[in-house]
Amino acid sequence: MKIQQPEKVLPAILSAVAAIVLVSWFAGGVDFEARVPGGDGRPAAGVEAEGPVKIEGRLTTGEGKPSEISDAWPRFRGENFDAVKNSDVPLARSWGEAGPPVLWSLELGEGFAGPAVFGGCVYLLDYDRQGEADVVRCLSLDDGKEIWRYAYPVKLKRWHGMSRTVPAVTDEYIVTIGPRCHVTCLDSKTGEFKWMYNLVSEFGTTVPQWYTAQCPLIEDGKAIIAPAGKEVLMMAVDCATGDIVWQTPNPDGWVMTHSSIVPMEFGGKRFYVYCGSGGVVGVDAENGEVLWKHTGWQMRTTVPLPVLIGGDRIFLSAGYGQFDLGCTMLKLSEADGRIAVAAEFVHNTDVFGSMQQTPVYYDGHLYGVGMDKQLACLDEAGKVLWRSSSANKFGHGPYMVADGLIYVMDDDGLLRLVQAAAGGYAELAQARVLNGPESWAPMAMVAGRLLVRDIVRMVCLDVSGQ
């Protein structure tokens, strides 16, 4: 009998075990603990540029038709960037044992990308793992059937999921940012290609750990993007032509974080607020000039969006790395014709810090899930008024407010309905609407329909009170 050498046997055994695990994974037969950000052992270094600068994509059409519903959620955190919906449709204050009805569901590629809704269509950036391509998908709000898809080839490895950004949509354009920083503009009705920028190859952007999470913004026909590359911090791109309208220099060498840009007005100026690795900046919406900069908040892994409080304050929160910086409130003032910025308070993560989701400001109070995974209510001075309890933990899941109700979901797809009030935690209903794991994608709501997803499935729920 011929005996195989150990150096040949061991690789064969490992290959067989790997194959069994892989098959079990895709068959759904393996139970596993949800991966916590930072706990997957991945290196912190950015992803290197791969492939051509410009990528040729492919447009295909499906049988779906746009809904007649005109209500919109056109970008990350909705129309006003605040994750608050003032619904024209009455919303249910309780659910039966079965939970809110599921109108339709859809299998997706692995990721955490949330949807945008406009013109009766649901827009989503997906990843086709078998085809190795980013896929911009346009679906019917009525039944989830695909209207069109635009795919361009990009090779991704599982790096704590793949896609994770929300498109920005208008009646003319849709702009997406892919996992490897490909900014793509399409016709929002037809999916026709308009232009693309490869931020890594063209601007020297370093892809953040766990891929790109910055969500694009469209305003006045311009896409506002923060490459945070070697020379350009922020830029405005004409959606019609792809021409760069203005660029903001990056002399301090800030790199891209997971945070997104939000517009703000103060002192007669409109500007864009962005949390880069070296601090927070306000960039003039007309010409890209830096109007103010605050370097007392430095987080390379900042995720939450800046939250605007009134007309002169900005609430920031974080949860990675520097635990002495959990949250802060910046106060803007005018001094000698310029905008000055100072911190009103800074709290560590023991008071409040948000790892993934952006807190919601509603009716004079801030609502968010802290590092202890409890839902909390804060006043504008940063004082915690209440926390849910150790028995009501929410992990890193998304939340939003609609008509005085907080919709908040945990990692495993348990959706809770909570009263948005400063008096205490008051849960009205709960239902498991997804199987998880990692139900982390931002929510969207239109006309009493709530869109939520876990790592591989999206559902459209009827949360109306009719």
Protein backbone atom coordinates (compact mmCIF):
# COMPACT_ATOMS: atom_id res chain seq x y z
CA MET A 1 0.00 0.00 0.00
CA LYS A 2 1.32 3.40 -0.97
CA ILE A 3 1.26 5.94 1.89
CA GLN A 4 0.73 9.60 0.96
CA GLN A 5 3.13 12.15 2.33
CA PRO A 6 1.76 14.36 5.20
CA GLU A 7 2.45 17.54 3.25
CA LYS A 8 0.01 16.28 0.60
CA VAL A 9 -2.62 14.86 2.96
CA LEU A 10 -3.10 17.95 5.10
CA PRO A 11 -3.92 20.34 2.21
CA ALA A 12 -6.39 17.80 0.86
CA ILE A 13 -8.14 17.53 4.22
CA LEU A 14 -8.28 21.30 4.60
CA SER A 15 -9.67 21.67 1.08
CA ALA A 16 -12.38 19.12 1.79
CA VAL A 17 -13.35 20.81 5.05
CA ALA A 18 -13.45 24.21 3.35
CA ALA A 19 -15.68 22.84 0.62
CA ILE A 20 -18.12 21.37 3.15
CA VAL A 21 -18.28 24.65 5.08
CA LEU A 22 -18.81 26.64 1.88
CA VAL A 23 -21.64 24.41 0.72
CA SER A 24 -23.26 24.53 4.16
CA TRP A 25 -22.97 28.32 4.20
CA PHE A 26 -24.87 28.80 0.98
CA ALA A 27 -27.40 26.13 1.92
CA GLY A 28 -28.16 28.07 5.09
CA GLY A 29 -27.29 25.06 7.22
CA VAL A 30 -24.57 26.65 9.35
CA ASP A 31 -25.40 28.70 12.42
CA PHE A 32 -22.85 31.41 13.02
CA GLU A 33 -22.39 34.43 15.21
CA ALA A 34 -22.97 37.77 13.49
CA ARG A 35 -19.69 39.49 12.66
CA VAL A 36 -19.19 42.61 14.71
CA PRO A 37 -17.41 45.48 12.92
CA GLY A 38 -13.72 45.29 13.65
CA GLY A 39 -13.97 41.71 14.82
CA ASP A 40 -13.42 39.92 11.53
CA GLY A 41 -9.65 40.14 11.57
CA ARG A 42 -9.43 42.11 8.35
CA PRO A 43 -6.50 44.49 7.87
CA ALA A 44 -7.10 48.19 8.27
CA ALA A 45 -5.21 49.06 5.10
CA GLY A 46 -7.21 50.36 2.15
CA VAL A 47 -8.02 48.35 -0.96
CA GLU A 48 -5.63 48.86 -3.84
CA ALA A 49 -6.80 50.02 -7.25
CA GLU A 50 -7.70 47.21 -9.63
CA GLY A 51 -8.85 47.10 -13.22
CA PRO A 52 -9.34 49.93 -15.73
CA VAL A 53 -10.16 53.51 -14.79
CA LYS A 54 -13.32 53.44 -16.90
CA ILE A 55 -15.47 50.32 -16.88
CA GLU A 56 -17.92 49.30 -19.58
CA GLY A 57 -21.20 48.19 -18.09
CA ARG A 58 -24.28 46.41 -19.35
CA LEU A 59 -27.92 47.53 -19.17
CA THR A 60 -30.72 44.94 -19.17
CA THR A 61 -34.46 45.41 -18.73
CA GLY A 62 -37.06 43.37 -16.85
CA GLU A 63 -40.83 43.03 -16.66
CA GLY A 64 -41.40 45.34 -13.68
CA LYS A 65 -43.42 48.56 -13.94
CA PRO A 66 -43.14 51.70 -11.79
CA SER A 67 -45.82 52.08 -9.13
CA GLU A 68 -48.28 54.94 -9.25
CA ILE A 69 -47.27 55.84 -5.69
CA SER A 70 -45.55 59.22 -5.85
CA ASP A 71 -44.20 59.42 -2.29
CA ALA A 72 -40.39 59.44 -2.15
CA TRP A 73 -37.37 58.54 -0.03
CA PRO A 74 -34.80 59.77 -2.55
CA ARG A 75 -31.52 59.33 -0.68
CA PHE A 76 -29.81 58.18 2.50
CA ARG A 77 -31.98 59.23 5.48
CA GLY A 78 -34.78 60.51 3.26
CA GLU A 79 -35.81 63.83 1.80
CA ASN A 80 -34.42 65.99 4.62
CA PHE A 81 -31.38 63.87 5.57
CA ASP A 82 -32.88 63.28 9.01
CA ALA A 83 -34.47 59.78 8.88
CA VAL A 84 -37.81 61.34 9.81
CA LYS A 85 -40.97 60.70 7.78
CA ASN A 86 -44.11 62.79 8.02
CA SER A 87 -46.44 60.24 6.52
CA ASP A 88 -49.62 61.19 4.66
CA VAL A 89 -50.81 57.63 5.31
CA PRO A 90 -51.97 56.74 8.86
CA LEU A 91 -49.53 54.31 10.49
CA ALA A 92 -50.43 51.33 12.68
CA ARG A 93 -49.73 51.74 16.41
CA SER A 94 -49.73 47.99 16.99
CA TRP A 95 -49.35 44.73 15.06
CA GLY A 96 -50.92 41.34 15.40
CA GLU A 97 -48.93 38.23 16.20
CA ALA A 98 -48.00 37.85 12.55
CA GLY A 99 -46.51 41.36 12.45
CA PRO A 100 -46.96 43.84 9.60
CA PRO A 101 -47.97 42.21 6.29
CA VAL A 102 -45.16 41.45 3.84
CA LEU A 103 -46.07 42.92 0.45
CA TRP A 104 -43.05 41.43 -1.31
CA SER A 105 -39.56 40.13 -0.63
CA LEU A 106 -36.40 39.83 -2.68
CA GLU A 107 -33.14 37.85 -2.49
CA LEU A 108 -30.05 40.07 -2.70
CA GLY A 109 -26.31 39.79 -2.90
CA GLU A 110 -24.52 39.90 0.43
CA GLY A 111 -24.32 43.42 1.83
CA PHE A 112 -25.82 46.25 3.84
CA ALA A 113 -26.91 48.67 1.11
CA GLY A 114 -30.27 50.31 1.78
CA PRO A 115 -32.82 51.41 -0.84
CA ALA A 116 -33.91 54.79 -2.17
CA VAL A 117 -37.43 55.29 -3.54
CA PHE A 118 -38.50 57.74 -6.23
CA GLY A 119 -41.19 57.83 -8.93
CA GLY A 120 -42.73 54.52 -7.90
CA CYS A 121 -39.36 52.76 -8.17
CA VAL A 122 -37.03 51.23 -5.60
CA TYR A 123 -33.34 51.82 -6.35
CA LEU A 124 -30.62 49.65 -4.87
CA LEU A 125 -26.89 49.10 -5.31
CA ASP A 126 -26.36 45.32 -5.19
CA TYR A 127 -23.47 42.96 -5.84
CA ASP A 128 -23.65 39.95 -8.16
CA ARG A 129 -21.12 37.59 -6.66
CA GLN A 130 -21.32 34.98 -9.41
CA GLY A 131 -21.03 37.60 -12.15
CA GLU A 132 -18.45 39.63 -10.18
CA ALA A 133 -20.20 42.94 -10.78
CA ASP A 134 -21.68 45.92 -8.99
CA VAL A 135 -25.35 46.08 -10.00
CA VAL A 136 -27.54 49.18 -9.90
CA ARG A 137 -31.10 47.83 -9.71
CA CYS A 138 -34.41 49.57 -10.37
CA LEU A 139 -37.43 47.70 -8.97
CA SER A 140 -41.17 48.23 -8.88
CA LEU A 141 -42.43 49.52 -5.54
CA ASP A 142 -45.63 47.53 -6.11
CA ASP A 143 -44.18 44.03 -6.31
CA GLY A 144 -40.38 44.19 -6.29
CA LYS A 145 -40.06 43.07 -9.91
CA GLU A 146 -37.01 44.37 -11.70
CA ILE A 147 -37.52 47.20 -14.21
CA TRP A 148 -33.87 47.50 -15.24
CA ARG A 149 -30.38 46.81 -14.01
CA TYR A 150 -27.00 48.26 -14.89
CA ALA A 151 -23.99 46.04 -14.07
CA TYR A 152 -20.29 46.80 -14.37
CA PRO A 153 -17.53 44.28 -13.57
CA VAL A 154 -15.73 44.71 -10.24
CA LYS A 155 -14.03 41.88 -8.35
CA LEU A 156 -14.81 41.83 -4.64
CA LYS A 157 -13.95 39.42 -1.87
CA ARG A 158 -16.22 39.07 1.12
CA TRP A 159 -14.86 41.84 3.31
CA HIS A 160 -17.49 42.11 5.97
CA GLY A 161 -20.19 42.13 3.27
CA MET A 162 -20.02 43.80 -0.11
CA SER A 163 -22.36 46.69 -1.07
CA ARG A 164 -23.30 49.15 1.69
CA THR A 165 -24.34 52.54 0.20
CA VAL A 166 -27.70 54.16 -0.59
CA PRO A 167 -28.19 55.76 -4.04
CA ALA A 168 -29.21 59.40 -4.56
CA VAL A 169 -32.11 59.75 -7.03
CA THR A 170 -33.89 62.59 -8.84
CA ASP A 171 -36.39 62.56 -11.69
CA GLU A 172 -33.43 62.61 -14.09
CA TYR A 173 -30.47 60.93 -12.46
CA ILE A 174 -29.34 58.22 -10.07
CA VAL A 175 -25.83 58.36 -8.59
CA THR A 176 -24.20 55.48 -6.71
CA ILE A 177 -20.85 54.86 -5.01
CA GLY A 178 -19.68 51.26 -5.27
CA PRO A 179 -17.65 49.29 -2.71
CA ARG A 180 -14.37 50.14 -4.45
CA CYS A 181 -15.26 53.82 -4.90
CA HIS A 182 -16.72 53.75 -8.43
CA VAL A 183 -19.07 56.75 -8.71
CA THR A 184 -21.69 56.02 -11.38
CA CYS A 185 -24.41 58.26 -12.81
CA LEU A 186 -27.32 56.80 -14.81
CA ASP A 187 -30.63 58.02 -16.19
CA SER A 188 -33.02 57.23 -13.33
CA LYS A 189 -35.88 56.26 -15.65
CA THR A 190 -34.06 54.16 -18.24
CA GLY A 191 -30.77 53.16 -16.60
CA GLU A 192 -28.82 54.68 -19.49
CA PHE A 193 -25.17 55.28 -18.60
CA LYS A 194 -24.10 58.92 -18.13
CA TRP A 195 -20.62 58.88 -16.58
CA MET A 196 -18.32 57.22 -14.06
CA TYR A 197 -15.39 58.24 -11.87
CA ASN A 198 -12.99 55.74 -10.34
CA LEU A 199 -11.98 57.61 -7.18
CA VAL A 200 -9.10 55.27 -6.40
CA SER A 201 -7.45 55.48 -9.82
CA GLU A 202 -8.32 59.08 -10.64
CA PHE A 203 -8.10 60.82 -7.26
CA GLY A 204 -5.90 58.57 -5.13
CA THR A 205 -8.72 57.71 -2.72
CA THR A 206 -8.00 55.00 -0.16
CA VAL A 207 -10.97 52.64 0.09
CA PRO A 208 -11.99 52.56 3.77
CA GLN A 209 -11.86 49.40 5.83
CA TRP A 210 -14.84 47.14 4.99
CA TYR A 211 -15.33 48.95 1.65
CA THR A 212 -16.98 52.28 0.88
CA ALA A 213 -20.01 53.41 2.90
CA GLN A 214 -20.23 57.08 1.85
CA CYS A 215 -23.63 57.76 0.28
CA PRO A 216 -23.80 60.30 -2.57
CA LEU A 217 -25.77 63.54 -2.63
CA ILE A 218 -27.44 65.24 -5.61
CA GLU A 219 -28.29 68.92 -5.31
CA ASP A 220 -29.06 71.47 -8.06
CA GLY A 221 -28.17 68.93 -10.73
CA LYS A 222 -24.75 68.26 -9.21
CA ALA A 223 -23.43 65.15 -7.49
CA ILE A 224 -21.52 66.06 -4.32
CA ILE A 225 -18.79 63.55 -3.47
CA ALA A 226 -15.91 63.49 -0.98
CA PRO A 227 -13.04 61.53 -2.59
CA ALA A 228 -10.71 62.59 0.25
CA GLY A 229 -7.90 61.67 -2.12
CA LYS A 230 -4.34 62.89 -2.45
CA GLU A 231 -5.32 66.36 -3.67
CA VAL A 232 -9.15 66.61 -3.63
CA LEU A 233 -11.21 66.51 -0.44
CA MET A 234 -14.65 67.20 -1.97
CA MET A 235 -16.03 67.89 -5.44
CA ALA A 236 -19.20 68.75 -7.34
CA VAL A 237 -19.91 66.95 -10.63
CA ASP A 238 -22.46 68.08 -13.22
CA CYS A 239 -24.87 65.14 -13.50
CA ALA A 240 -25.73 65.98 -17.13
CA THR A 241 -22.17 66.05 -18.45
CA GLY A 242 -19.90 64.47 -15.85
CA ASP A 243 -17.79 67.64 -15.79
CA ILE A 244 -16.29 68.66 -12.46
CA VAL A 245 -17.79 72.01 -11.41
CA TRP A 246 -15.51 72.65 -8.43
CA GLN A 247 -12.98 70.89 -6.23
CA THR A 248 -11.94 71.41 -2.62
CA PRO A 249 -8.20 70.94 -2.01
CA ASN A 250 -7.01 68.42 0.59
CA PRO A 251 -3.77 69.95 1.92
CA ASP A 252 -4.04 68.12 5.27
CA GLY A 253 -4.23 64.70 3.65
CA TRP A 254 -7.57 63.64 5.14
CA VAL A 255 -8.73 60.20 4.00
CA MET A 256 -12.22 58.91 3.33
CA THR A 257 -14.33 57.75 6.27
CA HIS A 258 -17.67 55.92 6.21
CA SER A 259 -19.57 59.15 6.92
CA SER A 260 -21.63 60.95 4.26
CA ILE A 261 -22.11 64.61 3.35
CA VAL A 262 -25.06 66.67 4.60
CA PRO A 263 -26.04 70.21 3.45
CA MET A 264 -26.52 73.02 5.96
CA GLU A 265 -27.33 76.74 5.93
CA PHE A 266 -25.93 79.28 8.38
CA GLY A 267 -25.13 82.99 8.22
CA GLY A 268 -26.55 83.33 4.72
CA LYS A 269 -24.28 80.57 3.40
CA ARG A 270 -25.14 77.08 2.18
CA PHE A 271 -22.38 74.55 2.71
CA TYR A 272 -21.70 70.83 2.92
CA VAL A 273 -20.65 69.26 6.22
CA TYR A 274 -18.32 66.27 6.09
CA CYS A 275 -16.48 64.25 8.75
CA GLY A 276 -13.13 63.26 7.28
CA SER A 277 -10.30 61.49 9.08
CA GLY A 278 -8.79 64.77 10.31
CA GLY A 279 -11.93 66.48 11.57
CA VAL A 280 -15.11 68.15 10.38
CA VAL A 281 -15.34 70.67 7.55
CA GLY A 282 -17.91 73.01 6.02
CA VAL A 283 -17.49 73.49 2.25
CA ASP A 284 -19.20 76.30 0.31
CA ALA A 285 -21.91 74.85 -1.93
CA GLU A 286 -21.21 77.41 -4.68
CA ASN A 287 -17.48 77.10 -5.18
CA GLY A 288 -16.03 74.42 -2.90
CA GLU A 289 -14.21 76.89 -0.63
CA VAL A 290 -13.60 75.74 2.94
CA LEU A 291 -15.71 78.02 5.15
CA TRP A 292 -14.77 76.41 8.47
CA LYS A 293 -12.86 73.48 9.89
CA HIS A 294 -12.91 71.74 13.28
CA THR A 295 -10.08 69.34 14.13
CA GLY A 296 -11.18 68.43 17.64
CA TRP A 297 -13.15 65.46 16.27
CA GLN A 298 -10.79 63.09 14.50
CA MET A 299 -12.04 59.60 13.67
CA ARG A 300 -10.69 57.62 10.73
CA THR A 301 -13.61 55.20 11.11
CA THR A 302 -16.42 57.70 11.65
CA VAL A 303 -19.67 56.20 10.36
CA PRO A 304 -22.69 58.29 11.48
CA LEU A 305 -23.78 61.31 9.47
CA PRO A 306 -23.58 64.78 11.09
CA VAL A 307 -27.00 65.54 12.62
CA LEU A 308 -28.21 69.13 12.28
CA ILE A 309 -29.79 70.66 15.38
CA GLY A 310 -31.70 73.83 14.69
CA GLY A 311 -29.85 76.22 12.44
CA ASP A 312 -26.53 76.52 14.24
CA ARG A 313 -25.51 73.22 15.84
CA ILE A 314 -24.20 69.88 14.65
CA PHE A 315 -24.34 66.66 16.69
CA LEU A 316 -21.61 64.12 15.99
CA SER A 317 -21.30 60.58 17.33
CA ALA A 318 -18.94 57.66 16.91
CA GLY A 319 -18.06 54.34 18.49
CA TYR A 320 -14.87 52.98 16.96
CA GLY A 321 -11.39 53.29 18.42
CA GLN A 322 -11.24 56.47 20.49
CA PHE A 323 -13.73 55.78 23.26
CA ASP A 324 -13.19 59.21 24.81
CA LEU A 325 -14.98 60.62 21.75
CA GLY A 326 -18.49 59.20 21.94
CA CYS A 327 -20.47 62.27 20.98
CA THR A 328 -20.15 66.04 20.75
CA MET A 329 -22.21 69.10 19.86
CA LEU A 330 -20.62 71.76 17.66
CA LYS A 331 -21.93 75.32 17.87
CA LEU A 332 -21.54 77.67 14.89
CA SER A 333 -21.23 81.43 15.29
CA GLU A 334 -20.21 84.40 13.16
CA ALA A 335 -17.01 86.25 13.98
CA ASP A 336 -15.47 88.97 11.79
CA GLY A 337 -17.48 87.87 8.80
CA ARG A 338 -16.37 84.24 9.15
CA ILE A 339 -17.92 81.14 10.65
CA ALA A 340 -16.42 80.00 13.94
CA VAL A 341 -16.96 76.53 15.43
CA ALA A 342 -16.67 75.39 19.04
CA ALA A 343 -17.68 72.26 20.95
CA GLU A 344 -20.45 72.73 23.52
CA PHE A 345 -19.73 69.34 25.09
CA VAL A 346 -17.82 66.13 24.48
CA HIS A 347 -18.92 62.84 26.06
CA ASN A 348 -17.21 59.47 26.00
CA THR A 349 -18.93 56.32 24.78
CA ASP A 350 -20.05 55.42 28.32
CA VAL A 351 -22.51 58.32 28.03
CA PHE A 352 -23.37 57.81 24.37
CA GLY A 353 -21.64 56.76 21.19
CA SER A 354 -23.00 55.24 18.01
CA MET A 355 -21.02 52.60 16.16
CA GLN A 356 -22.88 52.31 12.85
CA GLN A 357 -26.20 54.12 12.68
CA THR A 358 -26.89 57.86 12.74
CA PRO A 359 -29.01 59.17 15.65
CA VAL A 360 -32.34 60.81 14.84
CA TYR A 361 -33.25 64.31 16.02
CA TYR A 362 -36.99 64.59 16.55
CA ASP A 363 -39.14 67.03 18.51
CA GLY A 364 -36.24 68.49 20.48
CA HIS A 365 -34.59 65.20 21.40
CA LEU A 366 -32.01 62.78 20.00
CA TYR A 367 -32.76 59.07 19.70
CA GLY A 368 -30.11 56.47 19.01
CA VAL A 369 -28.66 53.08 19.92
CA GLY A 370 -25.52 53.42 22.01
CA MET A 371 -22.48 51.22 22.53
CA ASP A 372 -24.41 49.24 25.15
CA LYS A 373 -26.85 48.34 22.32
CA GLN A 374 -29.74 50.03 24.13
CA LEU A 375 -32.04 52.60 22.57
CA ALA A 376 -31.50 55.94 24.31
CA CYS A 377 -33.07 59.39 24.37
CA LEU A 378 -30.81 62.43 24.85
CA ASP A 379 -31.64 66.08 25.30
CA GLU A 380 -29.82 68.78 23.35
CA ALA A 381 -27.27 69.17 26.14
CA GLY A 382 -26.19 65.56 25.70
CA LYS A 383 -27.87 64.32 28.87
CA VAL A 384 -29.31 60.80 28.61
CA LEU A 385 -32.98 60.94 29.64
CA TRP A 386 -33.64 57.22 29.32
CA ARG A 387 -32.32 53.92 28.00
CA SER A 388 -34.41 50.95 26.94
CA SER A 389 -32.99 48.31 29.37
CA SER A 390 -30.63 45.36 29.27
CA ALA A 391 -33.61 43.22 28.23
CA ASN A 392 -34.23 45.39 25.15
CA LYS A 393 -31.01 45.49 23.18
CA PHE A 394 -30.83 46.38 19.51
CA GLY A 395 -27.31 45.55 18.34
CA HIS A 396 -26.21 47.65 15.37
CA GLY A 397 -29.49 47.69 13.46
CA PRO A 398 -31.16 50.71 11.81
CA TYR A 399 -33.87 53.03 13.10
CA MET A 400 -36.00 55.93 11.93
CA VAL A 401 -38.96 58.04 13.12
CA ALA A 402 -42.34 58.40 11.44
CA ASP A 403 -45.30 60.28 12.94
CA GLY A 404 -43.96 60.04 16.48
CA LEU A 405 -43.05 56.35 16.18
CA ILE A 406 -39.53 54.92 16.29
CA TYR A 407 -39.01 51.93 14.00
CA VAL A 408 -35.93 50.14 15.31
CA MET A 409 -34.55 46.75 14.25
CA ASP A 410 -31.95 44.52 15.86
CA ASP A 411 -29.20 42.52 14.16
CA ASP A 412 -31.43 39.49 13.62
CA GLY A 413 -34.44 41.16 12.02
CA LEU A 414 -36.63 41.80 15.07
CA LEU A 415 -38.51 45.03 14.38
CA ARG A 416 -39.82 47.04 17.32
CA LEU A 417 -42.21 49.97 17.39
CA VAL A 418 -41.41 52.47 20.16
CA GLN A 419 -43.02 55.76 21.13
CA ALA A 420 -40.75 58.75 20.40
CA ALA A 421 -41.17 60.60 23.70
CA ALA A 422 -38.83 61.94 26.35
CA GLY A 423 -40.79 60.40 29.23
CA GLY A 424 -39.33 56.90 28.94
CA TYR A 425 -39.03 53.77 26.82
CA ALA A 426 -42.51 52.67 25.71
CA GLU A 427 -42.65 49.74 23.30
CA LEU A 428 -45.87 49.41 21.31
CA ALA A 429 -45.23 46.33 19.16
CA GLN A 430 -42.60 43.93 17.91
CA ALA A 431 -42.31 41.35 15.13
CA ARG A 432 -39.58 39.31 13.49
CA VAL A 433 -39.64 40.44 9.88
CA LEU A 434 -36.27 39.06 8.72
CA ASN A 435 -34.09 36.11 9.65
CA GLY A 436 -30.83 38.01 9.84
CA PRO A 437 -28.01 38.04 10.46
CA GLU A 438 -26.69 41.58 10.22
CA SER A 439 -29.91 43.47 9.50
CA TRP A 440 -27.96 46.71 9.34
CA ALA A 441 -29.09 48.47 6.16
CA PRO A 442 -30.76 51.90 6.53
CA MET A 443 -34.56 51.82 6.33
CA ALA A 444 -36.78 53.63 3.85
CA MET A 445 -40.48 54.50 4.15
CA VAL A 446 -43.00 55.72 1.59
CA ALA A 447 -46.80 55.75 1.72
CA GLY A 448 -47.01 53.44 4.71
CA ARG A 449 -44.54 50.94 3.22
CA LEU A 450 -41.37 50.17 5.14
CA LEU A 451 -38.37 48.72 3.30
CA VAL A 452 -35.84 46.81 5.41
CA ARG A 453 -33.18 44.18 4.70
CA ASP A 454 -30.75 41.78 6.30
CA ILE A 455 -27.52 40.64 4.72
CA VAL A 456 -29.20 38.72 1.86
CA ARG A 457 -32.92 39.66 1.71
CA MET A 458 -35.08 42.79 1.46
CA VAL A 459 -38.76 42.95 2.41
CA CYS A 460 -41.44 45.56 1.81
CA LEU A 461 -43.80 45.78 4.80
CA ASP A 462 -47.24 47.36 5.07
CA VAL A 463 -47.04 49.39 8.30
CA SER A 464 -50.09 51.51 7.52
CA GLY A 465 -53.00 51.69 9.93
CA GLN A 466 -55.60 51.11 7.23
